[in-house]
């Protein structure tokens, strides 16, 4: 699934399409608090479609990996 996500994340989505992809990822990967830095890296620019509240639930360690 991850390699498919890498490919999908690079596509040019409309806002509604990107939100649908994120919704499917939430179904597959479950609780956002448990997402890994690798998963966030894999979704690439789709990360901007996560809600502020969802981003706030993630640990600082994950964000540190993303900016390294």
N, C-alpha and C. Protein backbone atom coordinates (compact mmCIF):
# COMPACT_ATOMS: atom_id res chain seq x y z
N UNK A 1 0.82 -1.20 0.00
CA UNK A 1 0.00 0.00 0.00
C UNK A 1 0.86 1.25 0.00
N UNK A 2 1.98 1.25 0.72
CA UNK A 2 2.79 2.45 0.84
C UNK A 2 3.35 2.88 -0.52
N UNK A 3 3.86 1.97 -1.31
CA UNK A 3 4.40 2.38 -2.61
C UNK A 3 3.31 2.96 -3.49
N UNK A 4 2.09 2.44 -3.37
CA UNK A 4 0.97 3.00 -4.11
C UNK A 4 0.67 4.42 -3.62
N UNK A 5 0.76 4.63 -2.33
CA UNK A 5 0.50 5.96 -1.78
C UNK A 5 1.54 6.95 -2.30
N UNK A 6 2.80 6.55 -2.38
CA UNK A 6 3.83 7.43 -2.93
C UNK A 6 3.45 7.89 -4.33
N UNK A 7 2.98 6.99 -5.15
CA UNK A 7 2.59 7.31 -6.51
C UNK A 7 1.35 8.19 -6.54
N UNK A 8 0.35 7.81 -5.76
CA UNK A 8 -0.90 8.56 -5.72
C UNK A 8 -0.68 9.98 -5.21
N UNK A 9 0.14 10.13 -4.19
CA UNK A 9 0.35 11.45 -3.58
C UNK A 9 0.96 12.45 -4.54
N UNK A 10 1.63 11.97 -5.56
CA UNK A 10 2.27 12.87 -6.53
C UNK A 10 1.32 13.37 -7.61
N UNK A 11 0.12 12.81 -7.66
CA UNK A 11 -0.84 13.22 -8.67
C UNK A 11 -1.46 14.57 -8.32
N UNK A 12 -1.97 15.24 -9.33
CA UNK A 12 -2.59 16.54 -9.13
C UNK A 12 -4.09 16.34 -8.87
N UNK A 13 -4.49 16.50 -7.63
CA UNK A 13 -5.87 16.29 -7.22
C UNK A 13 -6.61 17.60 -7.04
N UNK A 14 -7.90 17.56 -7.29
CA UNK A 14 -8.74 18.68 -6.88
C UNK A 14 -8.86 18.61 -5.36
N UNK A 15 -9.39 19.64 -4.77
CA UNK A 15 -9.57 19.66 -3.31
C UNK A 15 -10.43 18.49 -2.86
N UNK A 16 -11.54 18.27 -3.54
CA UNK A 16 -12.46 17.19 -3.15
C UNK A 16 -11.80 15.82 -3.32
N UNK A 17 -11.04 15.64 -4.38
CA UNK A 17 -10.37 14.36 -4.60
C UNK A 17 -9.33 14.10 -3.52
N UNK A 18 -8.55 15.12 -3.19
CA UNK A 18 -7.51 14.97 -2.16
C UNK A 18 -8.15 14.63 -0.82
N UNK A 19 -9.25 15.26 -0.51
CA UNK A 19 -9.93 14.97 0.76
C UNK A 19 -10.45 13.54 0.77
N UNK A 20 -10.90 13.04 -0.39
CA UNK A 20 -11.36 11.66 -0.47
C UNK A 20 -10.21 10.68 -0.27
N UNK A 21 -9.04 10.99 -0.83
CA UNK A 21 -7.86 10.14 -0.64
C UNK A 21 -7.47 10.10 0.83
N UNK A 22 -7.44 11.25 1.47
CA UNK A 22 -7.11 11.32 2.90
C UNK A 22 -8.12 10.53 3.71
N UNK A 23 -9.39 10.62 3.38
CA UNK A 23 -10.42 9.86 4.09
C UNK A 23 -10.16 8.37 3.98
N UNK A 24 -9.78 7.89 2.81
CA UNK A 24 -9.47 6.47 2.62
C UNK A 24 -8.23 6.07 3.43
N UNK A 25 -7.24 6.95 3.48
CA UNK A 25 -6.05 6.65 4.28
C UNK A 25 -6.40 6.53 5.75
N UNK A 26 -7.29 7.39 6.21
CA UNK A 26 -7.72 7.33 7.61
C UNK A 26 -8.42 6.00 7.89
N UNK A 27 -9.20 5.52 6.93
CA UNK A 27 -9.85 4.21 7.10
C UNK A 27 -8.81 3.10 7.19
N UNK A 28 -7.80 3.17 6.33
CA UNK A 28 -6.79 2.12 6.25
C UNK A 28 -5.80 2.19 7.41
N UNK A 29 -5.30 3.38 7.70
CA UNK A 29 -4.26 3.55 8.70
C UNK A 29 -4.79 3.83 10.10
N UNK A 30 -6.06 4.04 10.22
CA UNK A 30 -6.75 4.25 11.50
C UNK A 30 -6.34 5.56 12.19
N UNK A 31 -6.16 5.47 13.49
CA UNK A 31 -5.95 6.63 14.35
C UNK A 31 -4.74 7.45 13.92
N UNK A 32 -4.97 8.71 13.62
CA UNK A 32 -3.90 9.59 13.16
C UNK A 32 -2.79 9.72 14.19
N UNK A 33 -3.11 9.61 15.47
CA UNK A 33 -2.09 9.67 16.51
C UNK A 33 -1.04 8.58 16.33
N UNK A 34 -1.41 7.51 15.66
CA UNK A 34 -0.51 6.38 15.47
C UNK A 34 0.23 6.41 14.14
N UNK A 35 -0.06 7.39 13.30
CA UNK A 35 0.63 7.47 12.01
C UNK A 35 2.11 7.73 12.26
N UNK A 36 2.93 7.19 11.40
CA UNK A 36 4.38 7.36 11.53
C UNK A 36 4.87 8.51 10.65
N UNK A 37 6.09 8.92 10.91
CA UNK A 37 6.70 9.95 10.06
C UNK A 37 6.79 9.45 8.62
N UNK A 38 7.08 8.17 8.45
CA UNK A 38 7.17 7.59 7.10
C UNK A 38 5.83 7.71 6.37
N UNK A 39 4.74 7.44 7.06
CA UNK A 39 3.43 7.56 6.43
C UNK A 39 3.18 9.01 6.00
N UNK A 40 3.54 9.96 6.85
CA UNK A 40 3.35 11.36 6.49
C UNK A 40 4.25 11.76 5.33
N UNK A 41 5.46 11.25 5.30
CA UNK A 41 6.34 11.51 4.17
C UNK A 41 5.73 10.93 2.89
N UNK A 42 5.15 9.75 3.01
CA UNK A 42 4.58 9.09 1.85
C UNK A 42 3.40 9.85 1.25
N UNK A 43 2.61 10.53 2.09
CA UNK A 43 1.47 11.25 1.53
C UNK A 43 1.87 12.60 0.95
N UNK A 44 3.11 13.01 1.22
CA UNK A 44 3.65 14.22 0.60
C UNK A 44 2.73 15.43 0.73
N UNK A 45 2.43 16.08 -0.40
CA UNK A 45 1.64 17.30 -0.35
C UNK A 45 0.20 17.10 0.12
N UNK A 46 -0.25 15.86 0.16
CA UNK A 46 -1.61 15.62 0.65
C UNK A 46 -1.73 15.94 2.14
N UNK A 47 -0.60 16.10 2.82
CA UNK A 47 -0.64 16.40 4.26
C UNK A 47 -1.41 17.70 4.52
N UNK A 48 -1.44 18.58 3.56
CA UNK A 48 -2.14 19.85 3.77
C UNK A 48 -3.65 19.68 3.87
N UNK A 49 -4.14 18.50 3.56
CA UNK A 49 -5.57 18.23 3.65
C UNK A 49 -5.97 17.60 4.99
N UNK A 50 -5.01 17.45 5.89
CA UNK A 50 -5.34 17.03 7.25
C UNK A 50 -5.86 18.23 8.02
N UNK A 51 -6.77 17.99 8.92
CA UNK A 51 -7.33 19.08 9.73
C UNK A 51 -6.31 19.50 10.78
N UNK A 52 -6.39 20.74 11.19
CA UNK A 52 -5.49 21.28 12.20
C UNK A 52 -5.57 20.44 13.47
N UNK A 53 -6.76 20.03 13.84
CA UNK A 53 -6.94 19.23 15.05
C UNK A 53 -6.20 17.89 14.93
N UNK A 54 -6.20 17.33 13.72
CA UNK A 54 -5.52 16.06 13.50
C UNK A 54 -4.01 16.23 13.59
N UNK A 55 -3.50 17.29 13.02
CA UNK A 55 -2.07 17.56 13.10
C UNK A 55 -1.65 17.80 14.54
N UNK A 56 -2.50 18.45 15.30
CA UNK A 56 -2.19 18.74 16.70
C UNK A 56 -2.10 17.46 17.54
N UNK A 57 -2.74 16.39 17.11
CA UNK A 57 -2.69 15.12 17.84
C UNK A 57 -1.38 14.37 17.65
N UNK A 58 -0.63 14.73 16.65
CA UNK A 58 0.61 14.02 16.35
C UNK A 58 1.73 14.48 17.27
N UNK A 59 2.69 13.60 17.46
CA UNK A 59 3.79 13.93 18.36
C UNK A 59 4.81 14.86 17.69
N UNK A 60 5.52 15.57 18.51
CA UNK A 60 6.57 16.45 18.01
C UNK A 60 7.68 15.65 17.34
N UNK A 61 7.93 14.45 17.81
CA UNK A 61 8.96 13.61 17.20
C UNK A 61 8.68 13.36 15.73
N UNK A 62 7.41 13.16 15.38
CA UNK A 62 7.07 12.94 13.98
C UNK A 62 7.39 14.18 13.17
N UNK A 63 7.05 15.35 13.67
CA UNK A 63 7.33 16.58 12.94
C UNK A 63 8.83 16.84 12.80
N UNK A 64 9.60 16.47 13.81
CA UNK A 64 11.05 16.64 13.73
C UNK A 64 11.63 15.81 12.59
N UNK A 65 11.13 14.60 12.44
CA UNK A 65 11.60 13.74 11.34
C UNK A 65 11.23 14.36 9.98
N UNK A 66 10.07 14.94 9.91
CA UNK A 66 9.62 15.51 8.63
C UNK A 66 10.46 16.69 8.18
N UNK A 67 10.99 17.46 9.12
CA UNK A 67 11.75 18.65 8.74
C UNK A 67 13.25 18.38 8.62
N UNK A 68 13.68 17.18 8.98
CA UNK A 68 15.11 16.86 8.89
C UNK A 68 15.51 16.64 7.45
